[in-house]
Amino acid sequence: MDRREFVRVGAIAGALAVRGNPLDADTLANREESARLSTNSRWFLAPFELEEATISDLQARMAAGQLTARSIAQQYLDRIAELDRKGPTLRHVIEVNPDALSIADSLDQERKAGRVRGPLHGIPILIKDNIDTADRMTTTAGSLALAGSIPLQDAFIAAKLRVAGAILLGKTNLSEWANFRSSHSTSGWSGRGGLAKNPYVLDRNACGSSSGSAGAVSANLSALAIGTETDGSIVCPSSANGIVGIKPTLGMVSRAGIIPIAHSQDTAGPMARTVRDAAILLGIIAGADARDSATSASSGRGQADYTRFLDPNGLRGAKIGVLRKNFGFNDSVDALMVNAIDVMKRQGAIVVDPVELATAGKFDDSEFEVLLYEFKADLNSYLAGLGPNAPVRTLKDIIDYNERHKDQEMPFFGQDIMIKAQAKGPLTDKAYLAALAKDRKLSREQGIDVAMNKNKLDALIAPTGGPAWLTDLITGDHYSGGYSTASAVAGYPHITVPAGYVRGLPVGMSIFGRAYSEPTLIKLAYAYEQATKHRRAPQFIPTLGDG
């Protein structure tokens, strides 16, 4: 890791209080400990006008003439240059859009002419570098094997964002190939982008694979971001970076034009600092798409405006189940969850504790089998659609490229998962079909559905994960525990919302349920968020010094 000498400034706390971010005793204690352990590595936090700004804040200031789309975009670009490229070198943004400011100018002209497209008009957003844009940005999944690749058309969700008036500010770094290359990978690292750091404590991991999207939103490098998930890749980085992440029901959001892992689990989703902003973004990107057959099943079940479900009293009378088997991996996380349950009870929720997913852990092997088969088939299909100028055309080409460029692509970990996927046959194989059927049965009707029906629940909760682990490029990730798999395999919705901090490191709480229950989950997440207001901006502490 690049260790830089930061400027130590004693008036940081006062500057933050002026900006409306009071520091609690826990944060101050962490700051003092960090200063003691790392006195030569402090980062000067200059005031940032847009820190923690929401969509509503930005729209109000544009409407009042205090800001323009161009000035907002320029401030975020300057912030990226200051913190991502220099300073703590966060490495959350893999590429900025060279046309961002000209797009902003056009949107400002529209506003002057009396046309405002909606809540995202003039709002900058970062999207993960596995989402196609047919512009001057490339789409590479973080891999040098796809360097220079420009797809023939926008991903469906990128096109929807443009129509809504959002400014595609750039692409975010990620765990290369969405963390489906090696069983010994380090989350947040890609050959093209380097290592994305956790903005709360820089030597801690940002989790993956949407590490750059989560870290960028948390560090106020953009107003919003889009991530993608196959199993945990939206919710884990959202939890570790102290933001809200929504993994929608499979098929609510089109995957057309997104570099895939597996069509039975993949989805894109919103990442934001507030539940309201995440709900706004979900309404924009959801919708049926002829290029993605999975979206036909969700036709008529999505919402154009999820903000109408935002209710500060939304926990009152809600019946919520607690997955106790997902506790126990960290005492401090357990304490945060106990506090969260107490908050819910005080807000009028009926809590059923414990609730069991009887099939949990019984489909881990079949999940991986399905992902291996689908990765080969789906990635080959994506690459074939890039046209004659594609730098690589098959998974085999990528494996060969990585072998030829070991120093750049495999300095820390290999590609055993890719090799296993390449060995798989077609999607007509009996082994694949049996594994897929097992996944669906155990995660859906014998898993989440039966647990919720038996207890007449509105939602289930569990800790999303633990505090971010120390990044380890030698032995890989050190994931301690949490929740994501049952919802991911079932294709059911899952929201994570900040639940507190362990020594200054964020921890999220998962709220999840049946297919198409996004309105209920958003209502519950919003009510919890409003009752707690746990979110606070990161301070880029170099280390906690605890080994």
Protein backbone atom coordinates (compact mmCIF):
# COMPACT_ATOMS: atom_id res chain seq x y z
CA MET A 1 0.00 0.00 0.00
CA ASP A 2 1.17 3.54 -0.72
CA ARG A 3 1.87 5.16 2.64
CA ARG A 4 1.70 8.91 2.40
CA GLU A 5 2.63 11.44 5.05
CA PHE A 6 -0.52 13.34 5.91
CA VAL A 7 -0.77 16.76 7.54
CA ARG A 8 -1.88 16.65 11.16
CA VAL A 9 -4.36 19.40 12.03
CA GLY A 10 -5.64 19.90 15.56
CA ALA A 11 -8.81 21.80 14.57
CA ILE A 12 -10.44 18.95 12.64
CA ALA A 13 -13.19 18.36 15.19
CA GLY A 14 -14.15 22.04 15.22
CA ALA A 15 -14.31 22.17 11.43
CA LEU A 16 -16.54 19.11 11.37
CA ALA A 17 -18.90 20.53 13.98
CA VAL A 18 -19.30 23.66 11.87
CA ARG A 19 -20.35 21.43 8.97
CA GLY A 20 -22.99 19.75 11.10
CA ASN A 21 -21.16 16.49 11.84
CA PRO A 22 -20.71 16.41 15.63
CA LEU A 23 -18.28 13.77 16.86
CA ASP A 24 -19.42 11.42 19.59
CA ALA A 25 -17.18 10.10 22.34
CA ASP A 26 -16.47 6.87 20.48
CA THR A 27 -15.24 8.70 17.39
CA LEU A 28 -13.12 11.11 19.41
CA ALA A 29 -11.57 8.20 21.31
CA ASN A 30 -10.75 6.48 18.01
CA ARG A 31 -9.27 9.73 16.69
CA GLU A 32 -7.06 10.14 19.77
CA GLU A 33 -5.92 6.52 19.61
CA SER A 34 -5.15 6.83 15.91
CA ALA A 35 -3.15 10.01 16.53
CA ARG A 36 -1.17 8.27 19.24
CA LEU A 37 -0.41 5.23 17.10
CA SER A 38 0.15 6.99 13.80
CA THR A 39 1.27 10.55 14.48
CA ASN A 40 2.99 10.92 11.11
CA SER A 41 -0.05 9.90 9.09
CA ARG A 42 -2.92 12.38 9.48
CA TRP A 43 -5.11 13.71 6.74
CA PHE A 44 -6.18 17.33 6.54
CA LEU A 45 -9.95 17.52 6.07
CA ALA A 46 -10.75 20.68 4.18
CA PRO A 47 -14.38 21.79 4.41
CA PHE A 48 -16.50 20.43 1.55
CA GLU A 49 -19.64 22.32 0.60
CA LEU A 50 -21.51 19.21 -0.56
CA GLU A 51 -20.61 16.89 2.31
CA GLU A 52 -23.56 14.58 3.10
CA ALA A 53 -25.74 16.50 0.61
CA THR A 54 -28.89 14.59 -0.38
CA ILE A 55 -30.79 14.65 -3.66
CA SER A 56 -33.34 16.98 -2.07
CA ASP A 57 -30.59 19.31 -0.81
CA LEU A 58 -29.00 19.56 -4.24
CA GLN A 59 -32.30 20.05 -6.05
CA ALA A 60 -33.37 22.79 -3.64
CA ARG A 61 -30.11 24.66 -4.11
CA MET A 62 -30.28 24.35 -7.90
CA ALA A 63 -33.88 25.56 -7.87
CA ALA A 64 -32.83 28.55 -5.75
CA GLY A 65 -29.97 29.38 -8.12
CA GLN A 66 -27.33 28.74 -5.47
CA LEU A 67 -25.80 25.84 -7.41
CA THR A 68 -25.83 24.57 -10.96
CA ALA A 69 -25.43 21.06 -12.27
CA ARG A 70 -22.02 22.13 -13.55
CA SER A 71 -20.87 23.54 -10.21
CA ILE A 72 -22.03 20.40 -8.40
CA ALA A 73 -20.27 18.11 -10.88
CA GLN A 74 -17.12 20.23 -10.71
CA GLN A 75 -17.05 20.07 -6.91
CA TYR A 76 -17.33 16.29 -6.96
CA LEU A 77 -14.64 16.04 -9.65
CA ASP A 78 -12.38 18.22 -7.51
CA ARG A 79 -13.15 16.03 -4.51
CA ILE A 80 -12.18 12.94 -6.51
CA ALA A 81 -8.92 14.59 -7.54
CA GLU A 82 -8.18 15.58 -3.94
CA LEU A 83 -9.06 12.37 -2.11
CA ASP A 84 -9.14 9.59 -4.66
CA ARG A 85 -6.17 10.43 -6.83
CA LYS A 86 -4.08 12.22 -4.16
CA GLY A 87 -4.26 12.55 -0.39
CA PRO A 88 -5.41 9.23 1.08
CA THR A 89 -5.58 7.83 -2.48
CA LEU A 90 -8.87 6.04 -1.90
CA ARG A 91 -8.93 4.49 -5.39
CA HIS A 92 -12.72 4.33 -5.46
CA VAL A 93 -13.05 5.86 -8.93
CA ILE A 94 -11.46 3.95 -11.77
CA GLU A 95 -12.27 6.52 -14.47
CA VAL A 96 -14.02 9.89 -14.68
CA ASN A 97 -16.32 10.86 -17.52
CA PRO A 98 -14.55 13.37 -19.80
CA ASP A 99 -17.98 14.63 -20.89
CA ALA A 100 -19.42 15.13 -17.40
CA LEU A 101 -19.21 18.92 -17.42
CA SER A 102 -20.63 19.33 -20.91
CA ILE A 103 -23.54 17.07 -19.94
CA ALA A 104 -24.04 19.22 -16.85
CA ASP A 105 -24.10 22.36 -19.02
CA SER A 106 -26.83 20.88 -21.20
CA LEU A 107 -28.90 20.01 -18.14
CA ASP A 108 -28.46 23.52 -16.79
CA GLN A 109 -29.76 24.91 -20.07
CA GLU A 110 -32.79 22.65 -19.80
CA ARG A 111 -33.47 23.92 -16.29
CA LYS A 112 -33.21 27.53 -17.47
CA ALA A 113 -35.73 26.70 -20.18
CA GLY A 114 -38.16 25.41 -17.55
CA ARG A 115 -37.63 21.71 -18.08
CA VAL A 116 -36.65 19.60 -15.06
CA ARG A 117 -36.77 15.90 -15.84
CA GLY A 118 -37.25 14.71 -12.27
CA PRO A 119 -35.40 14.23 -8.98
CA LEU A 120 -32.13 13.20 -10.64
CA HIS A 121 -31.95 16.18 -13.01
CA GLY A 122 -28.36 17.44 -12.73
CA ILE A 123 -27.38 14.97 -10.00
CA PRO A 124 -23.96 13.29 -10.41
CA ILE A 125 -23.81 9.53 -9.99
CA LEU A 126 -20.99 7.00 -10.18
CA ILE A 127 -21.60 3.57 -11.66
CA LYS A 128 -19.63 0.37 -11.20
CA ASP A 129 -17.09 -0.50 -13.87
CA ASN A 130 -19.04 -3.55 -15.01
CA ILE A 131 -21.95 -1.45 -16.33
CA ASP A 132 -21.80 -0.61 -20.03
CA THR A 133 -21.71 2.96 -21.27
CA ALA A 134 -21.45 3.67 -24.98
CA ASP A 135 -19.47 6.88 -24.55
CA ARG A 136 -15.85 7.83 -24.00
CA MET A 137 -15.58 5.72 -20.84
CA THR A 138 -14.57 2.08 -20.94
CA THR A 139 -16.19 -0.91 -19.22
CA THR A 140 -13.68 -3.44 -17.93
CA ALA A 141 -14.80 -5.10 -14.66
CA GLY A 142 -11.46 -3.82 -13.38
CA SER A 143 -9.50 -6.14 -15.66
CA LEU A 144 -6.66 -5.12 -17.94
CA ALA A 145 -7.91 -7.82 -20.32
CA LEU A 146 -10.80 -5.50 -21.23
CA ALA A 147 -8.77 -2.28 -21.24
CA GLY A 148 -10.13 0.06 -23.90
CA SER A 149 -13.36 -1.87 -24.33
CA ILE A 150 -16.28 0.38 -25.28
CA PRO A 151 -19.61 -1.46 -25.72
CA LEU A 152 -21.93 -0.89 -28.64
CA GLN A 153 -24.75 0.50 -26.49
CA ASP A 154 -25.53 1.65 -22.98
CA ALA A 155 -26.65 -0.78 -20.33
CA PHE A 156 -30.40 -0.44 -19.81
CA ILE A 157 -29.92 1.20 -16.42
CA ALA A 158 -27.28 3.62 -17.75
CA ALA A 159 -29.74 4.71 -20.45
CA LYS A 160 -32.48 5.16 -17.84
CA LEU A 161 -30.19 7.31 -15.72
CA ARG A 162 -29.36 9.52 -18.69
CA VAL A 163 -33.04 9.97 -19.54
CA ALA A 164 -33.72 10.90 -15.90
CA GLY A 165 -31.16 13.69 -16.14
CA ALA A 166 -28.44 12.12 -14.01
CA ILE A 167 -24.82 12.96 -14.81
CA LEU A 168 -22.73 9.81 -15.20
CA LEU A 169 -19.71 11.19 -13.39
CA GLY A 170 -17.49 8.14 -13.81
CA LYS A 171 -16.93 4.45 -13.16
CA THR A 172 -16.07 2.95 -9.79
CA ASN A 173 -13.38 0.47 -8.88
CA LEU A 174 -14.43 -3.02 -7.82
CA SER A 175 -13.16 -6.42 -6.87
CA GLU A 176 -11.96 -7.54 -10.30
CA TRP A 177 -14.54 -9.56 -12.24
CA ALA A 178 -16.94 -8.84 -9.36
CA ASN A 179 -14.82 -11.04 -7.07
CA PHE A 180 -15.27 -14.19 -9.14
CA ARG A 181 -11.68 -14.90 -10.09
CA SER A 182 -9.95 -16.41 -7.07
CA SER A 183 -10.92 -18.12 -3.82
CA HIS A 184 -8.05 -16.20 -2.16
CA SER A 185 -8.88 -12.73 -3.45
CA THR A 186 -8.60 -9.41 -1.66
CA SER A 187 -11.87 -7.51 -1.96
CA GLY A 188 -11.64 -4.10 -3.56
CA TRP A 189 -8.55 -4.89 -5.65
CA SER A 190 -8.49 -4.87 -9.43
CA GLY A 191 -5.65 -4.98 -11.91
CA ARG A 192 -6.83 -1.78 -13.49
CA GLY A 193 -7.87 0.19 -10.42
CA GLY A 194 -5.62 -1.01 -7.62
CA LEU A 195 -6.93 -1.32 -4.07
CA ALA A 196 -10.04 0.54 -2.93
CA LYS A 197 -9.55 1.60 0.70
CA ASN A 198 -12.10 1.89 3.45
CA PRO A 199 -12.60 5.64 4.03
CA TYR A 200 -13.17 5.23 7.78
CA VAL A 201 -9.83 3.54 8.45
CA LEU A 202 -7.60 3.36 5.41
CA ASP A 203 -5.88 0.05 6.13
CA ARG A 204 -9.26 -1.66 6.54
CA ASN A 205 -11.09 -3.39 3.70
CA ALA A 206 -13.96 -1.78 1.81
CA CYS A 207 -15.52 -5.21 1.15
CA GLY A 208 -16.56 -6.27 -2.33
CA SER A 209 -17.30 -6.39 -5.03
CA SER A 210 -18.99 -2.96 -5.17
CA SER A 211 -16.24 -1.54 -2.97
CA GLY A 212 -15.62 1.55 -5.08
CA SER A 213 -19.31 2.41 -5.33
CA ALA A 214 -19.82 2.14 -1.57
CA GLY A 215 -16.59 3.92 -0.64
CA ALA A 216 -17.20 6.76 -3.10
CA VAL A 217 -20.67 7.47 -1.77
CA SER A 218 -19.46 7.27 1.82
CA ALA A 219 -16.51 9.58 1.14
CA ASN A 220 -18.80 12.09 -0.61
CA LEU A 221 -17.16 11.66 -4.01
CA SER A 222 -20.64 11.63 -5.55
CA ALA A 223 -24.25 11.96 -4.49
CA LEU A 224 -25.14 8.38 -5.44
CA ALA A 225 -23.76 5.20 -6.96
CA ILE A 226 -24.87 1.98 -8.58
CA GLY A 227 -23.46 -1.35 -7.46
CA THR A 228 -24.12 -4.93 -8.49
CA GLU A 229 -24.57 -8.07 -6.43
CA THR A 230 -24.49 -11.80 -6.94
CA ASP A 231 -24.12 -12.64 -3.24
CA GLY A 232 -23.29 -9.82 -0.85
CA SER A 233 -21.62 -7.43 -3.27
CA ILE A 234 -24.00 -4.52 -2.62
CA VAL A 235 -24.85 -5.14 1.00
CA CYS A 236 -21.39 -6.04 2.38
CA PRO A 237 -19.59 -2.93 1.06
CA SER A 238 -22.57 -0.78 2.03
CA SER A 239 -22.33 -2.10 5.58
CA ALA A 240 -18.53 -1.73 5.76
CA ASN A 241 -18.67 1.82 4.39
CA GLY A 242 -21.58 3.08 6.47
CA ILE A 243 -24.20 3.62 3.75
CA VAL A 244 -27.57 2.28 2.59
CA GLY A 245 -27.60 -0.43 -0.08
CA ILE A 246 -30.56 -2.07 -1.78
CA LYS A 247 -30.34 -5.42 -3.53
CA PRO A 248 -33.68 -5.61 -5.39
CA THR A 249 -35.74 -8.66 -6.25
CA LEU A 250 -34.21 -10.50 -9.21
CA GLY A 251 -35.69 -9.01 -12.37
CA MET A 252 -36.76 -5.67 -10.87
CA VAL A 253 -33.70 -4.09 -12.51
CA SER A 254 -32.43 -5.09 -15.94
CA ARG A 255 -29.01 -6.72 -16.21
CA ALA A 256 -28.69 -6.03 -19.94
CA GLY A 257 -25.29 -4.49 -20.59
CA ILE A 258 -23.78 -5.50 -17.25
CA ILE A 259 -20.75 -7.80 -17.18
CA PRO A 260 -22.23 -10.90 -15.52
CA ILE A 261 -21.45 -13.59 -13.03
CA ALA A 262 -24.70 -15.53 -13.01
CA HIS A 263 -28.14 -14.70 -14.36
CA SER A 264 -29.92 -16.62 -11.60
CA GLN A 265 -28.59 -14.23 -8.94
CA ASP A 266 -27.14 -11.07 -10.53
CA THR A 267 -28.77 -7.68 -10.03
CA ALA A 268 -27.79 -4.04 -9.92
CA GLY A 269 -28.99 -1.78 -7.12
CA PRO A 270 -28.79 1.65 -5.49
CA MET A 271 -26.14 2.76 -3.02
CA ALA A 272 -26.71 6.02 -1.14
CA ARG A 273 -26.17 7.79 2.14
CA THR A 274 -29.87 7.81 3.03
CA VAL A 275 -32.82 5.49 2.56
CA ARG A 276 -34.72 8.28 0.77
CA ASP A 277 -32.00 8.72 -1.84
CA ALA A 278 -31.72 4.95 -2.35
CA ALA A 279 -35.50 4.75 -2.80
CA ILE A 280 -35.46 7.55 -5.37
CA LEU A 281 -32.70 5.83 -7.32
CA LEU A 282 -34.45 2.45 -7.24
CA GLY A 283 -37.56 3.97 -8.80
CA ILE A 284 -35.46 5.38 -11.64
CA ILE A 285 -33.57 2.21 -12.57
CA ALA A 286 -36.35 -0.37 -12.10
CA GLY A 287 -38.44 -1.46 -15.08
CA ALA A 288 -39.07 -4.04 -17.76
CA ASP A 289 -36.53 -4.50 -20.53
CA ALA A 290 -36.85 -6.69 -23.62
CA ARG A 291 -33.11 -7.42 -23.41
CA ASP A 292 -33.50 -9.10 -20.00
CA SER A 293 -36.26 -11.73 -19.89
CA ALA A 294 -36.16 -11.83 -16.07
CA THR A 295 -37.72 -8.37 -15.96
CA SER A 296 -40.96 -9.64 -17.53
CA ALA A 297 -41.86 -11.46 -14.30
CA SER A 298 -41.63 -8.19 -12.38
CA SER A 299 -43.85 -6.28 -14.80
CA GLY A 300 -46.48 -4.42 -12.80
CA ARG A 301 -44.77 -5.20 -9.49
CA GLY A 302 -42.27 -2.37 -9.45
CA GLN A 303 -42.86 1.23 -8.46
CA ALA A 304 -41.97 4.42 -10.26
CA ASP A 305 -41.76 6.21 -6.91
CA TYR A 306 -40.63 4.29 -3.85
CA THR A 307 -40.51 7.45 -1.75
CA ARG A 308 -44.23 7.15 -1.08
CA PHE A 309 -43.41 4.26 1.26
CA LEU A 310 -41.12 6.39 3.43
CA ASP A 311 -42.90 6.52 6.77
CA PRO A 312 -41.12 7.56 9.99
CA ASN A 313 -43.72 5.51 11.86
CA GLY A 314 -43.29 2.53 9.56
CA LEU A 315 -42.14 0.19 12.34
CA ARG A 316 -45.38 0.57 14.27
CA GLY A 317 -47.23 -2.75 14.18
CA ALA A 318 -44.63 -4.40 11.90
CA LYS A 319 -43.81 -8.00 12.74
CA ILE A 320 -40.09 -8.65 12.42
CA GLY A 321 -38.15 -11.89 12.85
CA VAL A 322 -34.59 -12.11 14.16
CA LEU A 323 -32.17 -14.61 12.59
CA ARG A 324 -30.18 -15.40 15.73
CA LYS A 325 -28.04 -18.00 13.96
CA ASN A 326 -26.38 -15.14 12.07
CA PHE A 327 -25.26 -13.58 15.37
CA GLY A 328 -22.35 -14.68 17.53
CA PHE A 329 -19.35 -13.93 15.31
CA ASN A 330 -18.54 -10.63 17.06
CA ASP A 331 -19.64 -9.50 20.54
CA SER A 332 -19.71 -5.82 19.60
CA VAL A 333 -21.87 -6.51 16.55
CA ASP A 334 -24.24 -8.52 18.75
CA ALA A 335 -24.50 -5.54 21.09
CA LEU A 336 -25.37 -3.24 18.18
CA MET A 337 -28.07 -5.65 17.04
CA VAL A 338 -29.54 -5.84 20.56
CA ASN A 339 -29.73 -2.05 20.52
CA ALA A 340 -31.36 -2.13 17.07
CA ILE A 341 -33.99 -4.60 18.27
CA ASP A 342 -34.69 -2.38 21.28
CA VAL A 343 -35.16 0.63 18.96
CA MET A 344 -37.61 -1.34 16.83
CA LYS A 345 -39.60 -2.39 19.86
CA ARG A 346 -39.76 1.19 21.13
CA GLN A 347 -40.98 2.25 17.69
CA GLY A 348 -43.87 -0.21 17.99
CA ALA A 349 -42.56 -3.27 16.13
CA ILE A 350 -43.51 -6.78 17.20
CA VAL A 351 -40.30 -8.79 17.35
CA VAL A 352 -40.19 -12.58 17.00
CA ASP A 353 -36.86 -13.76 18.37
CA PRO A 354 -35.47 -16.15 17.30
CA VAL A 355 -36.60 -17.17 13.84
CA GLU A 356 -34.80 -19.97 12.02
CA LEU A 357 -34.02 -20.51 8.37
CA ALA A 358 -34.00 -24.30 8.54
CA THR A 359 -32.15 -24.68 5.23
CA ALA A 360 -29.39 -22.13 5.92
CA GLY A 361 -25.99 -23.51 4.91
CA LYS A 362 -27.50 -26.45 3.05
CA PHE A 363 -27.17 -24.95 -0.43
CA ASP A 364 -23.71 -23.37 -0.29
CA ASP A 365 -22.17 -26.03 -2.53
CA SER A 366 -25.00 -25.97 -5.04
CA GLU A 367 -24.87 -22.17 -5.17
CA PHE A 368 -21.21 -22.25 -6.15
CA GLU A 369 -21.89 -24.98 -8.73
CA VAL A 370 -24.58 -22.85 -10.36
CA LEU A 371 -22.35 -19.77 -10.36
CA LEU A 372 -19.51 -21.65 -12.07
CA TYR A 373 -21.76 -22.90 -14.86
CA GLU A 374 -23.52 -19.59 -15.40
CA PHE A 375 -20.36 -17.51 -15.24
CA LYS A 376 -18.86 -19.32 -18.20
CA ALA A 377 -22.06 -19.21 -20.26
CA ASP A 378 -23.08 -15.66 -19.36
CA LEU A 379 -19.63 -14.10 -19.68
CA ASN A 380 -19.04 -15.72 -23.07
CA SER A 381 -22.40 -14.35 -24.19
CA TYR A 382 -21.55 -10.85 -22.96
CA LEU A 383 -18.16 -10.87 -24.68
CA ALA A 384 -19.71 -12.05 -27.95
CA GLY A 385 -22.01 -9.03 -27.83
CA LEU A 386 -19.14 -6.55 -27.69
CA GLY A 387 -18.65 -6.85 -31.42
CA PRO A 388 -15.59 -7.48 -33.61
CA ASN A 389 -13.31 -5.08 -31.72
CA ALA A 390 -13.61 -6.87 -28.36
CA PRO A 391 -10.12 -7.31 -26.83
CA VAL A 392 -11.09 -10.78 -25.55
CA ARG A 393 -13.91 -13.00 -26.78
CA THR A 394 -14.20 -15.86 -24.27
CA LEU A 395 -13.50 -16.79 -20.66
CA LYS A 396 -10.62 -18.90 -21.99
CA ASP A 397 -9.14 -15.79 -23.60
CA ILE A 398 -9.26 -14.00 -20.23
CA ILE A 399 -7.57 -16.89 -18.44
CA ASP A 400 -4.83 -16.92 -21.08
CA TYR A 401 -4.44 -13.14 -20.88
CA ASN A 402 -4.01 -13.31 -17.12
CA GLU A 403 -1.33 -15.97 -17.48
CA ARG A 404 0.55 -13.84 -20.01
CA HIS A 405 0.32 -10.77 -17.75
CA LYS A 406 0.86 -12.35 -14.33
CA ASP A 407 2.86 -9.45 -12.95
CA GLN A 408 0.02 -6.99 -13.56
CA GLU A 409 -3.03 -9.22 -13.12
CA MET A 410 -1.98 -11.82 -10.58
CA PRO A 411 0.57 -10.25 -8.20
CA PHE A 412 -1.48 -11.18 -5.12
CA PHE A 413 -3.88 -13.99 -6.04
CA GLY A 414 -4.64 -16.31 -8.93
CA GLN A 415 -7.68 -17.37 -10.97
CA ASP A 416 -8.71 -20.78 -9.67
CA ILE A 417 -12.42 -19.89 -9.84
CA MET A 418 -12.15 -18.92 -13.50
CA ILE A 419 -10.34 -22.17 -14.27
CA LYS A 420 -13.08 -24.17 -12.51
CA ALA A 421 -15.76 -22.30 -14.46
CA GLN A 422 -13.99 -22.90 -17.76
CA ALA A 423 -14.10 -26.66 -17.07
CA LYS A 424 -17.90 -26.66 -16.83
CA GLY A 425 -20.18 -27.81 -19.63
CA PRO A 426 -23.35 -26.22 -21.06
CA LEU A 427 -26.41 -25.14 -19.07
CA THR A 428 -28.17 -28.31 -20.19
CA ASP A 429 -25.94 -30.44 -17.95
CA LYS A 430 -27.88 -32.45 -15.37
CA ALA A 431 -25.50 -31.34 -12.62
CA TYR A 432 -26.29 -27.69 -13.29
CA LEU A 433 -30.04 -28.18 -13.51
CA ALA A 434 -30.11 -30.21 -10.29
CA ALA A 435 -28.05 -27.60 -8.43
CA LEU A 436 -30.28 -24.79 -9.67
CA ALA A 437 -33.46 -26.59 -8.61
CA LYS A 438 -31.95 -27.29 -5.18
CA ASP A 439 -30.97 -23.64 -4.73
CA ARG A 440 -34.43 -22.35 -5.52
CA LYS A 441 -36.25 -24.89 -3.36
CA LEU A 442 -34.06 -24.51 -0.28
CA SER A 443 -33.69 -20.71 -0.41
CA ARG A 444 -37.28 -19.88 -1.35
CA GLU A 445 -40.18 -22.15 -0.38
CA GLN A 446 -38.25 -24.15 2.24
CA GLY A 447 -36.19 -21.15 3.35
CA ILE A 448 -37.31 -17.53 3.51
CA ASP A 449 -40.93 -18.20 2.51
CA VAL A 450 -41.61 -20.85 5.13
CA ALA A 451 -39.92 -18.86 7.91
CA MET A 452 -41.96 -15.76 7.12
CA ASN A 453 -45.26 -17.60 6.58
CA LYS A 454 -44.90 -19.67 9.74
CA ASN A 455 -44.35 -16.58 11.88
CA LYS A 456 -46.56 -14.21 9.83
CA LEU A 457 -43.65 -11.80 9.40
CA ASP A 458 -43.28 -8.58 7.46
CA ALA A 459 -39.48 -8.88 7.36
CA LEU A 460 -36.43 -10.59 8.81
CA ILE A 461 -33.32 -8.93 10.24
CA ALA A 462 -29.70 -9.96 10.81
CA PRO A 463 -26.31 -8.26 11.01
CA THR A 464 -25.06 -7.59 7.49
CA GLY A 465 -21.46 -8.12 8.51
CA GLY A 466 -18.78 -7.27 11.03
CA PRO A 467 -16.52 -4.23 11.20
CA ALA A 468 -14.14 -4.01 8.25
CA TRP A 469 -11.16 -6.33 8.53
CA LEU A 470 -7.54 -5.34 7.98
CA THR A 471 -6.75 -5.58 4.28
CA ASP A 472 -4.40 -8.48 3.66
CA LEU A 473 -2.92 -8.78 0.18
CA ILE A 474 -0.94 -11.86 1.19
CA THR A 475 -3.62 -14.24 2.48
CA GLY A 476 -6.77 -12.54 1.20
CA ASP A 477 -10.05 -11.61 2.87
CA HIS A 478 -10.93 -12.29 6.50
CA TYR A 479 -14.71 -12.19 6.42
CA SER A 480 -16.00 -12.95 9.92
CA GLY A 481 -19.75 -13.37 9.48
CA GLY A 482 -23.03 -11.76 8.54
CA TYR A 483 -25.96 -12.26 6.20
CA SER A 484 -26.55 -12.22 2.45
CA THR A 485 -26.72 -15.71 0.94
CA ALA A 486 -30.34 -16.83 1.35
CA SER A 487 -31.70 -13.60 -0.17
CA ALA A 488 -29.09 -13.71 -2.94
CA VAL A 489 -29.78 -17.30 -3.95
CA ALA A 490 -33.55 -16.82 -3.70
CA GLY A 491 -33.39 -13.61 -5.73
CA TYR A 492 -35.30 -11.81 -2.96
CA PRO A 493 -34.85 -8.17 -1.87
CA HIS A 494 -32.40 -7.15 0.84
CA ILE A 495 -31.64 -3.73 2.31
CA THR A 496 -28.79 -2.81 4.62
CA VAL A 497 -28.89 0.32 6.75
CA PRO A 498 -26.29 1.70 9.20
CA ALA A 499 -26.72 0.20 12.69
CA GLY A 500 -23.77 1.77 14.53
CA TYR A 501 -20.01 1.55 14.90
CA VAL A 502 -17.38 -0.69 16.42
CA ARG A 503 -14.30 1.40 17.27
CA GLY A 504 -15.33 3.85 14.57
CA LEU A 505 -15.93 1.19 11.91
CA PRO A 506 -19.49 1.02 10.53
CA VAL A 507 -21.75 -2.01 10.84
CA GLY A 508 -24.99 -2.45 8.91
CA MET A 509 -28.25 -4.21 9.71
CA SER A 510 -29.92 -6.33 7.03
CA ILE A 511 -33.68 -6.11 6.50
CA PHE A 512 -35.02 -8.64 4.01
CA GLY A 513 -38.08 -10.60 3.02
CA ARG A 514 -40.21 -12.10 0.26
CA ALA A 515 -39.99 -11.40 -3.45
CA TYR A 516 -41.23 -7.92 -4.46
CA SER A 517 -41.42 -6.71 -0.85
CA GLU A 518 -39.28 -3.63 -1.54
CA PRO A 519 -42.03 -1.22 -0.41
CA THR A 520 -42.24 -2.90 3.00
CA LEU A 521 -38.48 -3.14 3.42
CA ILE A 522 -37.98 0.51 2.46
CA LYS A 523 -40.66 1.58 4.94
CA LEU A 524 -39.01 -0.36 7.76
CA ALA A 525 -35.48 0.75 6.87
CA TYR A 526 -36.55 4.39 6.71
CA ALA A 527 -38.32 4.26 10.06
CA TYR A 528 -35.26 2.67 11.68
CA GLU A 529 -32.93 5.20 10.03
CA GLN A 530 -35.02 8.14 11.22
CA ALA A 531 -35.17 6.75 14.76
CA THR A 532 -31.39 6.28 14.98
CA LYS A 533 -29.56 8.57 12.50
CA HIS A 534 -26.42 6.42 12.77
CA ARG A 535 -24.82 7.61 9.54
CA ARG A 536 -21.79 9.87 9.90
CA ALA A 537 -19.14 10.82 7.39
CA PRO A 538 -15.75 9.04 7.41
CA GLN A 539 -12.60 10.82 8.54
CA PHE A 540 -9.91 8.84 6.64
CA ILE A 541 -8.04 7.66 9.75
CA PRO A 542 -4.91 5.83 8.54
CA THR A 543 -4.98 3.00 11.07
CA LEU A 544 -6.34 1.89 14.42
CA GLY A 545 -2.95 0.37 15.10
CA ASP A 546 -4.32 -2.93 16.37
CA GLY A 547 -2.39 -5.27 14.13
